[in-house]
N, C-alpha and C. Protein backbone atom coordinates (compact mmCIF):
# COMPACT_ATOMS: atom_id res chain seq x y z
N UNK A 1 211.07 139.72 -87.78
CA UNK A 1 212.02 138.74 -88.80
C UNK A 1 213.04 137.46 -86.81
N UNK A 2 212.39 136.71 -87.47
CA UNK A 2 212.83 135.29 -86.45
C UNK A 2 214.07 135.09 -86.47
N UNK A 3 215.36 135.45 -87.35
CA UNK A 3 216.28 134.63 -87.47
C UNK A 3 217.18 136.00 -87.23
N UNK A 4 216.58 137.10 -86.52
CA UNK A 4 217.64 138.02 -86.69
C UNK A 4 217.91 138.19 -84.82
N UNK A 5 219.25 137.63 -84.36
CA UNK A 5 219.41 137.81 -82.57
C UNK A 5 218.38 139.20 -82.31
N UNK A 6 219.07 139.96 -82.09
CA UNK A 6 219.14 141.40 -81.77
C UNK A 6 217.33 141.34 -81.71
N UNK A 7 216.19 140.93 -82.92
CA UNK A 7 214.87 141.24 -82.82
C UNK A 7 214.43 140.53 -82.27
N UNK A 8 214.62 138.80 -81.56
CA UNK A 8 214.75 137.77 -80.54
C UNK A 8 214.66 138.23 -79.36
N UNK A 9 216.00 139.30 -79.01
CA UNK A 9 215.84 140.16 -77.62
C UNK A 9 214.66 141.36 -77.61
N UNK A 10 214.68 141.75 -78.20
CA UNK A 10 213.66 142.74 -78.63
C UNK A 10 212.30 142.09 -77.60
N UNK A 11 212.17 140.35 -79.24
CA UNK A 11 210.57 139.85 -78.86
C UNK A 11 210.55 139.48 -76.82
N UNK A 12 211.78 139.25 -76.66
CA UNK A 12 211.86 139.23 -75.29
C UNK A 12 211.59 137.59 -75.23
N UNK A 13 212.55 136.13 -75.97
CA UNK A 13 212.49 135.53 -76.46
C UNK A 13 213.57 134.77 -75.69
N UNK A 14 215.15 136.07 -75.61
CA UNK A 14 216.40 136.07 -75.37
C UNK A 14 216.31 136.54 -73.89
N UNK A 15 216.99 136.67 -73.20
CA UNK A 15 217.21 137.29 -72.22
C UNK A 15 218.47 137.87 -71.68
N UNK A 16 219.14 139.01 -72.79
CA UNK A 16 220.60 139.41 -72.42
C UNK A 16 220.17 140.44 -70.61
N UNK A 17 221.77 140.43 -70.39
CA UNK A 17 222.09 141.18 -69.20
C UNK A 17 221.76 142.92 -69.58
N UNK A 18 220.23 143.28 -69.08
CA UNK A 18 219.71 144.23 -69.96
C UNK A 18 220.19 145.96 -68.52
N UNK A 19 220.67 146.78 -69.14
CA UNK A 19 221.21 147.94 -68.96
C UNK A 19 220.03 149.58 -68.91
N UNK A 20 219.16 148.72 -69.91
CA UNK A 20 218.29 150.05 -69.86
C UNK A 20 216.89 150.04 -70.70
N UNK A 21 215.46 149.86 -70.32
CA UNK A 21 214.87 149.46 -71.60
C UNK A 21 213.65 150.40 -71.75
N UNK A 22 213.55 151.29 -73.82
CA UNK A 22 212.80 152.40 -72.92
C UNK A 22 211.87 151.62 -74.08
N UNK A 23 210.51 152.56 -74.66
CA UNK A 23 209.77 151.89 -74.91
C UNK A 23 210.27 152.27 -77.11
N UNK A 24 211.02 152.77 -77.44
CA UNK A 24 211.71 152.58 -78.11
C UNK A 24 212.90 151.27 -78.98
N UNK A 25 213.91 151.58 -77.06
CA UNK A 25 215.31 151.08 -77.64
C UNK A 25 215.83 149.55 -76.16
N UNK A 26 216.45 149.33 -76.46
CA UNK A 26 216.65 148.01 -75.37
C UNK A 26 218.22 148.65 -75.45
N UNK A 27 218.94 148.26 -74.71
CA UNK A 27 220.29 148.39 -73.90
C UNK A 27 220.90 147.22 -73.32
N UNK A 28 222.30 146.50 -73.42
CA UNK A 28 222.19 145.21 -72.82
C UNK A 28 223.89 145.46 -73.12
N UNK A 29 224.79 144.37 -72.31
CA UNK A 29 226.04 144.43 -72.07
C UNK A 29 226.05 143.20 -73.20
N UNK A 30 227.39 143.16 -73.30
CA UNK A 30 227.72 143.03 -74.92
C UNK A 30 227.92 141.44 -74.78
N UNK A 31 227.68 140.02 -75.56
CA UNK A 31 228.64 139.14 -74.64
C UNK A 31 229.78 139.10 -75.60
N UNK A 32 230.15 139.50 -76.52
CA UNK A 32 231.74 139.88 -76.62
C UNK A 32 232.40 140.66 -76.82
N UNK A 33 232.57 141.49 -75.32
CA UNK A 33 233.61 142.56 -75.40
C UNK A 33 234.39 142.84 -75.95
N UNK A 34 234.71 144.00 -76.23
CA UNK A 34 236.16 144.03 -76.25
C UNK A 34 236.58 145.26 -76.09
N UNK A 35 236.35 145.62 -74.69
CA UNK A 35 236.56 146.57 -73.73
C UNK A 35 235.88 145.83 -72.88
N UNK A 36 236.34 147.20 -71.21
CA UNK A 36 235.80 146.49 -70.36
C UNK A 36 234.35 146.46 -69.81
N UNK A 37 233.92 147.95 -70.87
CA UNK A 37 232.47 148.08 -70.71
C UNK A 37 232.76 148.15 -71.91
N UNK A 38 231.33 147.44 -72.34
CA UNK A 38 230.72 147.40 -73.43
C UNK A 38 229.44 147.33 -73.97
N UNK A 39 228.82 147.59 -74.19
CA UNK A 39 227.20 147.62 -73.61
C UNK A 39 226.96 147.76 -75.83
N UNK A 40 225.88 147.58 -75.96
CA UNK A 40 224.82 147.60 -77.17
C UNK A 40 223.54 148.12 -77.13
N UNK A 41 222.87 149.61 -77.83
CA UNK A 41 221.39 149.57 -78.15
C UNK A 41 221.11 149.20 -79.63
N UNK A 42 220.05 148.56 -79.05
CA UNK A 42 219.18 148.56 -80.56
C UNK A 42 217.96 148.57 -80.53
N UNK A 43 217.49 149.70 -81.29
CA UNK A 43 216.13 149.81 -81.49
C UNK A 43 215.35 148.83 -81.30
N UNK A 44 213.87 148.98 -80.80
CA UNK A 44 212.95 147.04 -80.37
C UNK A 44 212.82 146.98 -82.46
N UNK A 45 211.74 147.67 -83.25
CA UNK A 45 211.90 147.55 -84.89
C UNK A 45 213.10 147.46 -84.86
N UNK A 46 212.75 146.26 -86.35
CA UNK A 46 213.95 145.46 -87.25
C UNK A 46 214.49 147.12 -88.09
N UNK A 47 215.78 147.56 -88.50
CA UNK A 47 215.93 148.22 -89.28
C UNK A 47 217.71 147.55 -89.07
N UNK A 48 217.64 147.22 -90.69
CA UNK A 48 218.80 146.18 -91.55
C UNK A 48 219.86 147.38 -91.04
N UNK A 49 220.50 147.73 -91.56
CA UNK A 49 221.59 148.86 -91.44
C UNK A 49 221.24 150.48 -91.67
N UNK A 50 222.11 150.69 -90.95
CA UNK A 50 222.08 152.72 -91.83
C UNK A 50 221.53 153.20 -92.73
N UNK A 51 222.24 152.49 -93.38
CA UNK A 51 221.77 152.60 -95.06
C UNK A 51 220.61 152.54 -95.34
N UNK A 52 219.44 151.64 -94.70
CA UNK A 52 218.46 151.32 -94.96
C UNK A 52 217.31 152.14 -94.45
N UNK A 53 217.56 153.42 -93.22
CA UNK A 53 216.64 154.01 -92.91
C UNK A 53 216.16 155.58 -93.28
N UNK A 54 215.77 155.96 -93.12
CA UNK A 54 214.16 156.53 -93.83
C UNK A 54 213.92 158.15 -93.08
N UNK A 55 213.93 159.19 -93.38
CA UNK A 55 213.94 159.31 -93.05
C UNK A 55 212.64 160.04 -91.74
N UNK A 56 211.82 159.11 -91.63
CA UNK A 56 210.75 159.03 -90.23
C UNK A 56 211.21 157.62 -89.18
N UNK A 57 212.87 157.05 -89.14
CA UNK A 57 213.53 156.80 -88.48
C UNK A 57 214.37 157.76 -87.68
N UNK A 58 214.26 158.75 -88.02
CA UNK A 58 214.60 160.17 -87.30
C UNK A 58 214.81 160.31 -85.34
N UNK A 59 213.60 160.09 -85.27
CA UNK A 59 212.91 159.65 -84.18
C UNK A 59 214.04 157.95 -83.56
N UNK A 60 213.49 157.26 -84.05
CA UNK A 60 214.67 156.38 -83.21
C UNK A 60 215.29 156.28 -82.74
N UNK A 61 216.27 156.90 -83.68
CA UNK A 61 217.89 157.48 -84.14
C UNK A 61 218.56 158.36 -82.93
N UNK A 62 217.15 158.80 -82.96
CA UNK A 62 218.02 160.30 -81.77
C UNK A 62 217.59 159.15 -80.62
N UNK A 63 216.85 158.46 -80.09
CA UNK A 63 216.67 157.61 -79.41
C UNK A 63 217.63 157.11 -79.23
N UNK A 64 218.46 156.16 -79.96
CA UNK A 64 219.45 155.25 -79.62
C UNK A 64 220.79 156.13 -80.04
N UNK A 65 221.16 157.45 -80.09
CA UNK A 65 222.45 158.08 -79.28
C UNK A 65 222.09 158.99 -77.70
N UNK A 66 220.27 158.68 -77.60
CA UNK A 66 220.33 159.42 -76.29
C UNK A 66 220.26 158.04 -75.73
N UNK A 67 220.44 157.45 -75.65
CA UNK A 67 220.00 155.62 -75.01
C UNK A 67 221.63 155.09 -74.72
N UNK A 68 222.82 155.54 -75.65
CA UNK A 68 224.69 155.53 -75.94
C UNK A 68 224.86 156.33 -74.44
N UNK A 69 224.07 157.38 -74.12
CA UNK A 69 224.04 158.51 -72.99
C UNK A 69 223.95 158.37 -72.09
N UNK A 70 222.58 157.90 -72.00
CA UNK A 70 222.27 157.30 -70.31
C UNK A 70 223.12 155.57 -69.78
N UNK A 71 223.45 154.93 -70.85
CA UNK A 71 223.94 153.76 -70.43
C UNK A 71 225.19 154.28 -70.31
N UNK A 72 225.95 154.97 -70.61
CA UNK A 72 227.64 156.00 -70.14
C UNK A 72 227.49 156.20 -69.06
N UNK A 73 226.39 156.73 -68.59
CA UNK A 73 225.75 157.44 -67.39
C UNK A 73 226.09 156.67 -66.08
N UNK A 74 224.64 154.98 -66.91
CA UNK A 74 224.98 154.58 -66.10
C UNK A 74 225.66 153.31 -65.43
N UNK A 75 226.94 152.87 -67.09
CA UNK A 75 227.62 152.43 -66.33
C UNK A 75 229.08 153.01 -65.17
N UNK A 76 228.85 153.98 -65.81
CA UNK A 76 230.08 155.11 -65.19
C UNK A 76 230.87 154.95 -66.13
N UNK A 77 230.77 156.05 -66.97
CA UNK A 77 232.00 156.29 -68.25
C UNK A 77 231.51 157.51 -68.51
N UNK A 78 230.61 158.44 -68.13
CA UNK A 78 230.91 160.14 -67.80
C UNK A 78 232.20 160.65 -67.81
N UNK A 79 232.80 160.41 -66.87
CA UNK A 79 233.98 161.26 -66.33
C UNK A 79 234.81 161.05 -67.35
N UNK A 80 235.06 159.77 -67.44
CA UNK A 80 236.69 159.43 -68.17
C UNK A 80 236.53 158.94 -69.72
N UNK A 81 235.59 158.99 -70.20
CA UNK A 81 235.17 159.32 -71.33
C UNK A 81 234.95 158.04 -72.47
N UNK A 82 234.23 158.42 -73.07
CA UNK A 82 233.68 156.34 -73.92
C UNK A 82 233.71 157.09 -75.31
N UNK A 83 233.19 155.79 -76.19
CA UNK A 83 233.46 156.19 -77.28
C UNK A 83 231.70 155.35 -77.96
N UNK A 84 231.36 156.04 -79.00
CA UNK A 84 230.07 155.42 -79.15
C UNK A 84 230.12 154.53 -81.21
N UNK A 85 229.86 153.67 -81.27
CA UNK A 85 230.06 153.32 -82.67
C UNK A 85 228.90 152.69 -83.45
N UNK A 86 229.30 152.67 -83.96
CA UNK A 86 228.08 152.45 -85.22
C UNK A 86 228.71 151.88 -86.69
N UNK A 87 228.10 150.28 -87.12
CA UNK A 87 228.95 149.92 -88.28
C UNK A 87 228.73 149.85 -89.05
N UNK A 88 228.23 150.19 -90.60
CA UNK A 88 227.27 149.75 -91.44
C UNK A 88 228.04 148.90 -92.49
N UNK A 89 227.73 147.61 -92.27
CA UNK A 89 227.59 146.45 -94.12
C UNK A 89 228.90 145.61 -93.27
N UNK A 90 229.27 145.15 -94.05
CA UNK A 90 230.56 143.95 -93.34
C UNK A 90 232.06 144.99 -93.80
N UNK A 91 232.15 145.63 -94.43
CA UNK A 91 233.40 145.75 -95.29
C UNK A 91 233.56 146.56 -93.56
N UNK A 92 232.39 147.18 -92.63
CA UNK A 92 233.17 148.15 -91.53
C UNK A 92 232.42 147.31 -90.40
N UNK A 93 232.73 145.80 -90.26
CA UNK A 93 232.45 145.47 -88.96
C UNK A 93 231.64 144.88 -88.87
N UNK A 94 230.48 145.36 -89.23
CA UNK A 94 228.48 145.03 -88.63
C UNK A 94 228.10 143.13 -88.81
N UNK A 95 227.92 142.75 -88.19
CA UNK A 95 228.06 141.47 -87.75
C UNK A 95 226.25 140.22 -87.70
N UNK A 96 225.56 141.75 -87.06
CA UNK A 96 224.30 141.56 -86.88
C UNK A 96 223.62 142.76 -87.96
N UNK A 97 222.67 141.90 -88.28
CA UNK A 97 221.85 143.30 -89.45
C UNK A 97 221.01 143.89 -89.09
N UNK A 98 220.85 144.21 -87.61
CA UNK A 98 219.49 145.25 -87.37
C UNK A 98 220.87 146.13 -86.63
N UNK A 99 220.46 147.72 -86.73
CA UNK A 99 221.67 148.73 -86.37
C UNK A 99 221.32 148.34 -84.90
N UNK A 100 223.02 149.25 -84.87
CA UNK A 100 222.90 148.80 -82.77
C UNK A 100 224.16 150.03 -83.02
N UNK A 101 223.72 150.91 -81.76
CA UNK A 101 225.31 151.01 -81.33
C UNK A 101 226.14 150.41 -80.36
N UNK A 102 227.24 150.68 -80.21
CA UNK A 102 228.05 150.11 -79.50
C UNK A 102 228.60 151.23 -78.68
N UNK A 103 228.34 151.26 -77.40
CA UNK A 103 229.63 151.64 -76.20
C UNK A 103 230.29 151.58 -75.61
N UNK A 104 231.47 151.88 -75.57
CA UNK A 104 232.95 151.36 -75.19
C UNK A 104 233.10 152.06 -73.83
N UNK A 105 233.76 151.36 -73.14
CA UNK A 105 235.23 152.33 -72.37
C UNK A 105 235.23 151.89 -71.53
N UNK A 106 236.11 152.38 -70.36
CA UNK A 106 236.80 151.63 -69.35
C UNK A 106 238.07 151.94 -70.17
N UNK A 107 238.59 151.44 -70.88
CA UNK A 107 240.36 151.72 -71.22
C UNK A 107 240.23 152.52 -72.53
N UNK A 108 241.50 153.24 -72.81
CA UNK A 108 242.33 154.61 -73.74
C UNK A 108 241.89 154.10 -75.16
N UNK A 109 240.85 154.63 -76.29
CA UNK A 109 240.63 154.21 -77.63
C UNK A 109 241.92 155.16 -78.30
N UNK A 110 242.50 154.20 -78.95
CA UNK A 110 243.26 154.82 -79.93
C UNK A 110 242.97 155.72 -81.14
N UNK A 111 243.05 156.89 -81.95
CA UNK A 111 242.52 157.26 -83.21
C UNK A 111 243.17 157.51 -84.51
N UNK A 112 243.12 156.48 -85.54
CA UNK A 112 241.89 156.53 -85.35
C UNK A 112 241.63 155.50 -85.49
N UNK A 113 240.37 154.87 -85.64
CA UNK A 113 239.89 153.22 -84.57
C UNK A 113 240.54 151.83 -86.07
N UNK A 114 240.90 151.34 -85.58
CA UNK A 114 240.46 149.92 -86.88
C UNK A 114 241.43 150.08 -87.34
């Protein structure tokens, strides 16, 4: 998908500040952070939204979550706490239609969010 910014990152056409790379996912610092630490974890393969996943995507979805925890450790967030968020659709705030996990930390968060 040439118009998808995350597909371009996965293809190596753009070089964000990487945190983690595996066979199935990439993690990098968000260009527009909303917290002192804000990373994104994306699958290398394009999946537009969580609603577009199928049972065969279980492994990549698990990889996203495991990578999120690894990113939190790499950013030294595991002791103070962090939040992971995956938005699905415009009404939830999804602006890039390639599923991605936000890893947020470095400040206190309130509940409920948003």
